[in-house]
Amino acid sequence: MVSLALASLLVTAGPAVSAQNVASPVTDTVTLTLSAEEWVKTETALVTLVVDLAGNGNSGTVRNDVLKAVAGIADRADWRIIALNPQSDSAGLERWQALLQARLPENQLASLGDRAKKASKPGQQVRVDNMAFDPTLAETEATRAILRDKIYTQVNAELKRLNDAFPGRTYRVGMIQFGDVNSISVSGYRKSEMMVAAAPSAPMADALPGVQDKLEMNARITFSVFATP
């Protein structure tokens, strides 16, 4: 009984600890922006064809007729019909216009226009509408992964530099926020600027093969460390 009473007295006599006496942790942060760039190259061109057909009175065969018209233009090309629009001429005859797209390697682009002309005949006209050396999604994503690796390497280097500059502080990576990826052409113009500057009627058959784009990625980095107030 005496021991219990003594223990109770010691607890009661101890100093009261209030929330105001406990210091809240403080986070010191350092924020900066890092950038990286890398080339993305595509060896194929996205080719768009236009096929004009005179109606034969059976609209159910138009799709097959369009695919037959372009079958011999490029070897093993997987042509996809992206638009199929009915039209009527002044005489009231039924006509159809189709847009098709496929990715073709460089060695099939040189004489593509001539092969399109050879596929044309009365009632069926085939022509090349556009060639675009835009990279595929897989090619772009692979380059994005390379850019992220480059930024991670920069982050580690900056983290070491920061800890060396402030001895006794152990900074850590608090946040990495990746921004938009900008596409820059080989001439230094962004793609959006080139599209505005290019004439709509410019012949695309003269596009250079193996065109490369440069991707630029930015990231906002925050380093943080808990500190005593």
C-alpha atoms as a PDB file:
ATOM      1  CA  MET A   1       0.000   0.000   0.000  1.00  0.00           C
ATOM      2  CA  VAL A   2       2.860   2.372   0.825  1.00  0.00           C
ATOM      3  CA  SER A   3       4.545   1.615  -2.548  1.00  0.00           C
ATOM      4  CA  LEU A   4       1.362   2.272  -4.481  1.00  0.00           C
ATOM      5  CA  ALA A   5       0.760   5.536  -2.695  1.00  0.00           C
ATOM      6  CA  LEU A   6       4.331   6.659  -3.358  1.00  0.00           C
ATOM      7  CA  ALA A   7       4.018   5.832  -7.067  1.00  0.00           C
ATOM      8  CA  SER A   8       0.760   7.729  -7.274  1.00  0.00           C
ATOM      9  CA  LEU A   9       2.361  10.726  -5.617  1.00  0.00           C
ATOM     10  CA  LEU A  10       5.283  10.720  -8.042  1.00  0.00           C
ATOM     11  CA  VAL A  11       2.972  10.591 -11.093  1.00  0.00           C
ATOM     12  CA  THR A  12       0.805  13.371  -9.722  1.00  0.00           C
ATOM     13  CA  ALA A  13       3.794  15.532  -8.890  1.00  0.00           C
ATOM     14  CA  GLY A  14       5.390  15.099 -12.313  1.00  0.00           C
ATOM     15  CA  PRO A  15       5.378  18.050 -14.757  1.00  0.00           C
ATOM     16  CA  ALA A  16       2.355  18.216 -17.027  1.00  0.00           C
ATOM     17  CA  VAL A  17       3.132  17.851 -20.765  1.00  0.00           C
ATOM     18  CA  SER A  18       0.889  19.896 -23.024  1.00  0.00           C
ATOM     19  CA  ALA A  19       0.523  19.858 -26.791  1.00  0.00           C
ATOM     20  CA  GLN A  20       2.104  23.317 -26.936  1.00  0.00           C
ATOM     21  CA  ASN A  21       5.361  21.985 -25.484  1.00  0.00           C
ATOM     22  CA  VAL A  22       5.737  19.340 -28.246  1.00  0.00           C
ATOM     23  CA  ALA A  23       7.362  20.835 -31.294  1.00  0.00           C
ATOM     24  CA  SER A  24       5.757  19.915 -34.591  1.00  0.00           C
ATOM     25  CA  PRO A  25       8.107  18.516 -37.221  1.00  0.00           C
ATOM     26  CA  VAL A  26       9.171  20.912 -39.934  1.00  0.00           C
ATOM     27  CA  THR A  27       9.839  19.863 -43.517  1.00  0.00           C
ATOM     28  CA  ASP A  28      12.519  21.742 -45.436  1.00  0.00           C
ATOM     29  CA  THR A  29      12.128  21.432 -49.193  1.00  0.00           C
ATOM     30  CA  VAL A  30      14.182  22.225 -52.271  1.00  0.00           C
ATOM     31  CA  THR A  31      12.371  22.315 -55.626  1.00  0.00           C
ATOM     32  CA  LEU A  32      13.864  22.443 -59.094  1.00  0.00           C
ATOM     33  CA  THR A  33      13.036  21.527 -62.696  1.00  0.00           C
ATOM     34  CA  LEU A  34      15.069  19.037 -64.716  1.00  0.00           C
ATOM     35  CA  SER A  35      14.931  18.378 -68.460  1.00  0.00           C
ATOM     36  CA  ALA A  36      16.070  15.674 -70.852  1.00  0.00           C
ATOM     37  CA  GLU A  37      15.868  15.149 -74.599  1.00  0.00           C
ATOM     38  CA  GLU A  38      16.193  12.144 -76.875  1.00  0.00           C
ATOM     39  CA  TRP A  39      15.694  11.288 -80.539  1.00  0.00           C
ATOM     40  CA  VAL A  40      12.780   9.123 -81.584  1.00  0.00           C
ATOM     41  CA  LYS A  41      13.053   7.629 -85.045  1.00  0.00           C
ATOM     42  CA  THR A  42      10.532   5.836 -87.206  1.00  0.00           C
ATOM     43  CA  GLU A  43      11.357   3.779 -90.275  1.00  0.00           C
ATOM     44  CA  THR A  44       7.777   3.710 -91.557  1.00  0.00           C
ATOM     45  CA  ALA A  45       5.455   6.345 -92.948  1.00  0.00           C
ATOM     46  CA  LEU A  46       1.738   6.639 -92.336  1.00  0.00           C
ATOM     47  CA  VAL A  47       0.352   6.740 -95.890  1.00  0.00           C
ATOM     48  CA  THR A  48      -3.146   7.968 -96.736  1.00  0.00           C
ATOM     49  CA  LEU A  49      -4.793   7.001-100.017  1.00  0.00           C
ATOM     50  CA  VAL A  50      -7.924   8.390-101.635  1.00  0.00           C
ATOM     51  CA  VAL A  51     -10.051   6.073-103.760  1.00  0.00           C
ATOM     52  CA  ASP A  52     -12.906   7.445-105.886  1.00  0.00           C
ATOM     53  CA  LEU A  53     -15.346   4.845-107.216  1.00  0.00           C
ATOM     54  CA  ALA A  54     -18.271   5.148-109.569  1.00  0.00           C
ATOM     55  CA  GLY A  55     -21.285   3.359-108.099  1.00  0.00           C
ATOM     56  CA  ASN A  56     -22.338   0.076-109.618  1.00  0.00           C
ATOM     57  CA  GLY A  57     -25.764   0.026-108.054  1.00  0.00           C
ATOM     58  CA  ASN A  58     -24.705  -2.320-105.252  1.00  0.00           C
ATOM     59  CA  SER A  59     -23.483  -0.379-102.228  1.00  0.00           C
ATOM     60  CA  GLY A  60     -22.881  -3.602-100.329  1.00  0.00           C
ATOM     61  CA  THR A  61     -19.751  -4.352-102.372  1.00  0.00           C
ATOM     62  CA  VAL A  62     -18.153  -0.900-102.097  1.00  0.00           C
ATOM     63  CA  ARG A  63     -15.878  -1.836 -99.188  1.00  0.00           C
ATOM     64  CA  ASN A  64     -14.554  -4.909-100.994  1.00  0.00           C
ATOM     65  CA  ASP A  65     -14.124  -2.911-104.216  1.00  0.00           C
ATOM     66  CA  VAL A  66     -12.051  -0.301-102.371  1.00  0.00           C
ATOM     67  CA  LEU A  67      -9.756  -2.915-100.803  1.00  0.00           C
ATOM     68  CA  LYS A  68      -9.315  -4.640-104.171  1.00  0.00           C
ATOM     69  CA  ALA A  69      -8.364  -1.309-105.757  1.00  0.00           C
ATOM     70  CA  VAL A  70      -5.409  -0.810-103.405  1.00  0.00           C
ATOM     71  CA  ALA A  71      -4.400  -4.449-102.971  1.00  0.00           C
ATOM     72  CA  GLY A  72      -1.470  -4.272-105.399  1.00  0.00           C
ATOM     73  CA  ILE A  73      -0.118  -0.845-104.458  1.00  0.00           C
ATOM     74  CA  ALA A  74       2.142  -2.025-101.622  1.00  0.00           C
ATOM     75  CA  ASP A  75       3.341  -5.458-100.611  1.00  0.00           C
ATOM     76  CA  ARG A  76       1.809  -6.846 -97.407  1.00  0.00           C
ATOM     77  CA  ALA A  77       0.236  -3.506 -96.557  1.00  0.00           C
ATOM     78  CA  ASP A  78      -2.587  -3.629 -94.030  1.00  0.00           C
ATOM     79  CA  TRP A  79      -4.865  -0.954 -95.450  1.00  0.00           C
ATOM     80  CA  ARG A  80      -7.587   0.286 -93.114  1.00  0.00           C
ATOM     81  CA  ILE A  81     -10.607   2.204 -94.380  1.00  0.00           C
ATOM     82  CA  ILE A  82     -10.948   5.260 -92.139  1.00  0.00           C
ATOM     83  CA  ALA A  83     -13.699   7.012 -94.131  1.00  0.00           C
ATOM     84  CA  LEU A  84     -16.241   5.892 -96.720  1.00  0.00           C
ATOM     85  CA  ASN A  85     -18.533   8.623 -97.988  1.00  0.00           C
ATOM     86  CA  PRO A  86     -21.263   8.425-100.647  1.00  0.00           C
ATOM     87  CA  GLN A  87     -21.413  11.234-103.186  1.00  0.00           C
ATOM     88  CA  SER A  88     -23.674  12.134-106.104  1.00  0.00           C
ATOM     89  CA  ASP A  89     -22.610  13.839-109.290  1.00  0.00           C
ATOM     90  CA  SER A  90     -24.631  16.262-111.401  1.00  0.00           C
ATOM     91  CA  ALA A  91     -26.169  13.376-113.345  1.00  0.00           C
ATOM     92  CA  GLY A  92     -27.427  11.743-110.166  1.00  0.00           C
ATOM     93  CA  LEU A  93     -25.050   8.796-110.389  1.00  0.00           C
ATOM     94  CA  GLU A  94     -23.835   7.213-107.193  1.00  0.00           C
ATOM     95  CA  ARG A  95     -20.178   7.703-106.328  1.00  0.00           C
ATOM     96  CA  TRP A  96     -18.060   6.799-103.342  1.00  0.00           C
ATOM     97  CA  GLN A  97     -14.907   8.297-101.891  1.00  0.00           C
ATOM     98  CA  ALA A  98     -12.795   6.294 -99.458  1.00  0.00           C
ATOM     99  CA  LEU A  99      -9.799   7.192 -97.312  1.00  0.00           C
ATOM    100  CA  LEU A 100      -7.375   4.418 -96.380  1.00  0.00           C
ATOM    101  CA  GLN A 101      -4.297   4.375 -94.189  1.00  0.00           C
ATOM    102  CA  ALA A 102      -1.392   1.986 -93.722  1.00  0.00           C
ATOM    103  CA  ARG A 103       2.171   2.115 -92.450  1.00  0.00           C
ATOM    104  CA  LEU A 104       4.744   1.417 -95.148  1.00  0.00           C
ATOM    105  CA  PRO A 105       8.523   0.975 -94.953  1.00  0.00           C
ATOM    106  CA  GLU A 106      10.832   3.382 -96.724  1.00  0.00           C
ATOM    107  CA  ASN A 107      11.604   1.090 -99.651  1.00  0.00           C
ATOM    108  CA  GLN A 108       7.960   1.155-100.770  1.00  0.00           C
ATOM    109  CA  LEU A 109       7.544   4.927-100.854  1.00  0.00           C
ATOM    110  CA  ALA A 110       9.626   5.941-103.870  1.00  0.00           C
ATOM    111  CA  SER A 111       7.227   4.771-106.583  1.00  0.00           C
ATOM    112  CA  LEU A 112       4.036   4.748-104.564  1.00  0.00           C
ATOM    113  CA  GLY A 113       2.448   7.473-106.665  1.00  0.00           C
ATOM    114  CA  ASP A 114       3.136   5.571-109.894  1.00  0.00           C
ATOM    115  CA  ARG A 115       1.646   2.390-108.484  1.00  0.00           C
ATOM    116  CA  ALA A 116      -1.441   4.321-107.428  1.00  0.00           C
ATOM    117  CA  LYS A 117      -1.830   5.616-110.987  1.00  0.00           C
ATOM    118  CA  LYS A 118      -1.516   2.094-112.367  1.00  0.00           C
ATOM    119  CA  ALA A 119      -4.280   0.959-110.030  1.00  0.00           C
ATOM    120  CA  SER A 120      -6.585   3.606-111.459  1.00  0.00           C
ATOM    121  CA  LYS A 121      -8.986   2.875-114.317  1.00  0.00           C
ATOM    122  CA  PRO A 122     -12.256   4.271-115.651  1.00  0.00           C
ATOM    123  CA  GLY A 123     -14.659   4.466-112.742  1.00  0.00           C
ATOM    124  CA  GLN A 124     -11.842   3.950-110.219  1.00  0.00           C
ATOM    125  CA  GLN A 125      -9.264   6.570-109.333  1.00  0.00           C
ATOM    126  CA  VAL A 126      -6.541   6.013-106.717  1.00  0.00           C
ATOM    127  CA  ARG A 127      -4.129   8.696-105.520  1.00  0.00           C
ATOM    128  CA  VAL A 128      -1.718   9.325-102.648  1.00  0.00           C
ATOM    129  CA  ASP A 129      -3.099  11.979-100.345  1.00  0.00           C
ATOM    130  CA  ASN A 130      -0.480  12.184 -97.587  1.00  0.00           C
ATOM    131  CA  MET A 131       2.723  10.684 -96.165  1.00  0.00           C
ATOM    132  CA  ALA A 132       3.586  11.391 -92.543  1.00  0.00           C
ATOM    133  CA  PHE A 133       6.686  10.134 -90.761  1.00  0.00           C
ATOM    134  CA  ASP A 134       5.069  10.336 -87.364  1.00  0.00           C
ATOM    135  CA  PRO A 135       6.425   7.732 -84.936  1.00  0.00           C
ATOM    136  CA  THR A 136       4.163   4.992 -83.693  1.00  0.00           C
ATOM    137  CA  LEU A 137       2.857   4.943 -80.140  1.00  0.00           C
ATOM    138  CA  ALA A 138       5.254   2.106 -79.259  1.00  0.00           C
ATOM    139  CA  GLU A 139       8.252   4.067 -80.610  1.00  0.00           C
ATOM    140  CA  THR A 140       7.196   7.178 -78.710  1.00  0.00           C
ATOM    141  CA  GLU A 141       6.609   5.328 -75.437  1.00  0.00           C
ATOM    142  CA  ALA A 142      10.003   3.612 -75.702  1.00  0.00           C
ATOM    143  CA  THR A 143      11.651   7.026 -76.036  1.00  0.00           C
ATOM    144  CA  ARG A 144       9.626   8.368 -73.106  1.00  0.00           C
ATOM    145  CA  ALA A 145      11.005   5.541 -70.965  1.00  0.00           C
ATOM    146  CA  ILE A 146      14.552   6.516 -71.966  1.00  0.00           C
ATOM    147  CA  LEU A 147      13.817  10.130 -71.016  1.00  0.00           C
ATOM    148  CA  ARG A 148      12.517   9.114 -67.597  1.00  0.00           C
ATOM    149  CA  ASP A 149      15.683   7.074 -67.001  1.00  0.00           C
ATOM    150  CA  LYS A 150      17.764  10.133 -67.882  1.00  0.00           C
ATOM    151  CA  ILE A 151      15.809  12.298 -65.443  1.00  0.00           C
ATOM    152  CA  TYR A 152      16.098   9.697 -62.678  1.00  0.00           C
ATOM    153  CA  THR A 153      19.876   9.754 -63.170  1.00  0.00           C
ATOM    154  CA  GLN A 154      19.853  13.547 -62.878  1.00  0.00           C
ATOM    155  CA  VAL A 155      17.697  13.327 -59.747  1.00  0.00           C
ATOM    156  CA  ASN A 156      20.192  11.038 -58.026  1.00  0.00           C
ATOM    157  CA  ALA A 157      23.047  13.347 -58.972  1.00  0.00           C
ATOM    158  CA  GLU A 158      21.194  16.402 -57.632  1.00  0.00           C
ATOM    159  CA  LEU A 159      20.289  14.567 -54.436  1.00  0.00           C
ATOM    160  CA  LYS A 160      23.947  13.751 -53.774  1.00  0.00           C
ATOM    161  CA  ARG A 161      24.950  17.329 -54.589  1.00  0.00           C
ATOM    162  CA  LEU A 162      22.332  18.691 -52.205  1.00  0.00           C
ATOM    163  CA  ASN A 163      23.380  16.461 -49.306  1.00  0.00           C
ATOM    164  CA  ASP A 164      27.032  17.359 -49.902  1.00  0.00           C
ATOM    165  CA  ALA A 165      26.147  21.056 -49.803  1.00  0.00           C
ATOM    166  CA  PHE A 166      24.318  20.726 -46.466  1.00  0.00           C
ATOM    167  CA  PRO A 167      26.273  18.329 -44.235  1.00  0.00           C
ATOM    168  CA  GLY A 168      24.218  16.707 -41.497  1.00  0.00           C
ATOM    169  CA  ARG A 169      21.010  16.963 -43.500  1.00  0.00           C
ATOM    170  CA  THR A 170      19.690  13.851 -45.189  1.00  0.00           C
ATOM    171  CA  TYR A 171      17.456  15.010 -48.016  1.00  0.00           C
ATOM    172  CA  ARG A 172      15.235  12.539 -49.836  1.00  0.00           C
ATOM    173  CA  VAL A 173      13.159  12.650 -52.993  1.00  0.00           C
ATOM    174  CA  GLY A 174       9.759  13.941 -51.938  1.00  0.00           C
ATOM    175  CA  MET A 175       8.076  14.226 -55.350  1.00  0.00           C
ATOM    176  CA  ILE A 176       8.747  13.812 -59.075  1.00  0.00           C
ATOM    177  CA  GLN A 177       6.105  15.370 -61.298  1.00  0.00           C
ATOM    178  CA  PHE A 178       6.588  14.792 -65.025  1.00  0.00           C
ATOM    179  CA  GLY A 179       5.283  17.467 -67.351  1.00  0.00           C
ATOM    180  CA  ASP A 180       4.239  17.390 -70.984  1.00  0.00           C
ATOM    181  CA  VAL A 181       6.589  15.980 -73.593  1.00  0.00           C
ATOM    182  CA  ASN A 182       7.403  18.414 -76.406  1.00  0.00           C
ATOM    183  CA  SER A 183       8.189  17.173 -79.907  1.00  0.00           C
ATOM    184  CA  ILE A 184      10.881  19.131 -81.749  1.00  0.00           C
ATOM    185  CA  SER A 185      11.757  18.516 -85.387  1.00  0.00           C
ATOM    186  CA  VAL A 186      15.301  18.139 -86.700  1.00  0.00           C
ATOM    187  CA  SER A 187      15.230  21.741 -87.913  1.00  0.00           C
ATOM    188  CA  GLY A 188      14.463  23.067 -84.437  1.00  0.00           C
ATOM    189  CA  TYR A 189      10.809  23.906 -85.059  1.00  0.00           C
ATOM    190  CA  ARG A 190       8.121  22.321 -82.974  1.00  0.00           C
ATOM    191  CA  LYS A 191       5.791  20.111 -84.974  1.00  0.00           C
ATOM    192  CA  SER A 192       2.813  22.381 -84.424  1.00  0.00           C
ATOM    193  CA  GLU A 193       4.785  25.275 -85.929  1.00  0.00           C
ATOM    194  CA  MET A 194       5.796  23.196 -88.950  1.00  0.00           C
ATOM    195  CA  MET A 195       2.204  22.150 -89.632  1.00  0.00           C
ATOM    196  CA  VAL A 196       1.084  25.779 -89.661  1.00  0.00           C
ATOM    197  CA  ALA A 197       3.952  26.871 -91.895  1.00  0.00           C
ATOM    198  CA  ALA A 198       3.572  24.033 -94.405  1.00  0.00           C
ATOM    199  CA  ALA A 199       1.359  24.688 -97.405  1.00  0.00           C
ATOM    200  CA  PRO A 200      -1.740  22.442 -97.453  1.00  0.00           C
ATOM    201  CA  SER A 201      -1.149  21.562-101.105  1.00  0.00           C
ATOM    202  CA  ALA A 202       2.536  20.703-100.716  1.00  0.00           C
ATOM    203  CA  PRO A 203       3.327  17.305-102.283  1.00  0.00           C
ATOM    204  CA  MET A 204       3.991  14.788 -99.530  1.00  0.00           C
ATOM    205  CA  ALA A 205       5.577  12.240-101.871  1.00  0.00           C
ATOM    206  CA  ASP A 206       8.881  14.107-101.523  1.00  0.00           C
ATOM    207  CA  ALA A 207       9.067  13.467 -97.777  1.00  0.00           C
ATOM    208  CA  LEU A 208      12.507  12.408 -96.652  1.00  0.00           C
ATOM    209  CA  PRO A 209      12.769   8.854 -95.319  1.00  0.00           C
ATOM    210  CA  GLY A 210      13.982   8.138 -91.822  1.00  0.00           C
ATOM    211  CA  VAL A 211      12.761  11.472 -90.464  1.00  0.00           C
ATOM    212  CA  GLN A 212      13.580  11.895 -86.789  1.00  0.00           C
ATOM    213  CA  ASP A 213      11.882  13.834 -84.036  1.00  0.00           C
ATOM    214  CA  LYS A 214      13.417  14.998 -80.803  1.00  0.00           C
ATOM    215  CA  LEU A 215      11.359  14.590 -77.643  1.00  0.00           C
ATOM    216  CA  GLU A 216      11.916  16.914 -74.715  1.00  0.00           C
ATOM    217  CA  MET A 217      10.649  15.973 -71.244  1.00  0.00           C
ATOM    218  CA  ASN A 218      10.506  18.221 -68.184  1.00  0.00           C
ATOM    219  CA  ALA A 219      10.048  17.147 -64.569  1.00  0.00           C
ATOM    220  CA  ARG A 220       9.522  19.104 -61.363  1.00  0.00           C
ATOM    221  CA  ILE A 221      11.487  17.604 -58.479  1.00  0.00           C
ATOM    222  CA  THR A 222      11.064  18.254 -54.757  1.00  0.00           C
ATOM    223  CA  PHE A 223      13.674  17.159 -52.198  1.00  0.00           C
ATOM    224  CA  SER A 224      12.590  17.191 -48.568  1.00  0.00           C
ATOM    225  CA  VAL A 225      13.989  16.576 -45.103  1.00  0.00           C
ATOM    226  CA  PHE A 226      12.526  16.706 -41.587  1.00  0.00           C
ATOM    227  CA  ALA A 227      14.120  19.387 -39.452  1.00  0.00           C
ATOM    228  CA  THR A 228      13.988  20.655 -35.869  1.00  0.00           C
ATOM    229  CA  PRO A 229      12.125  23.972 -35.655  1.00  0.00           C
END
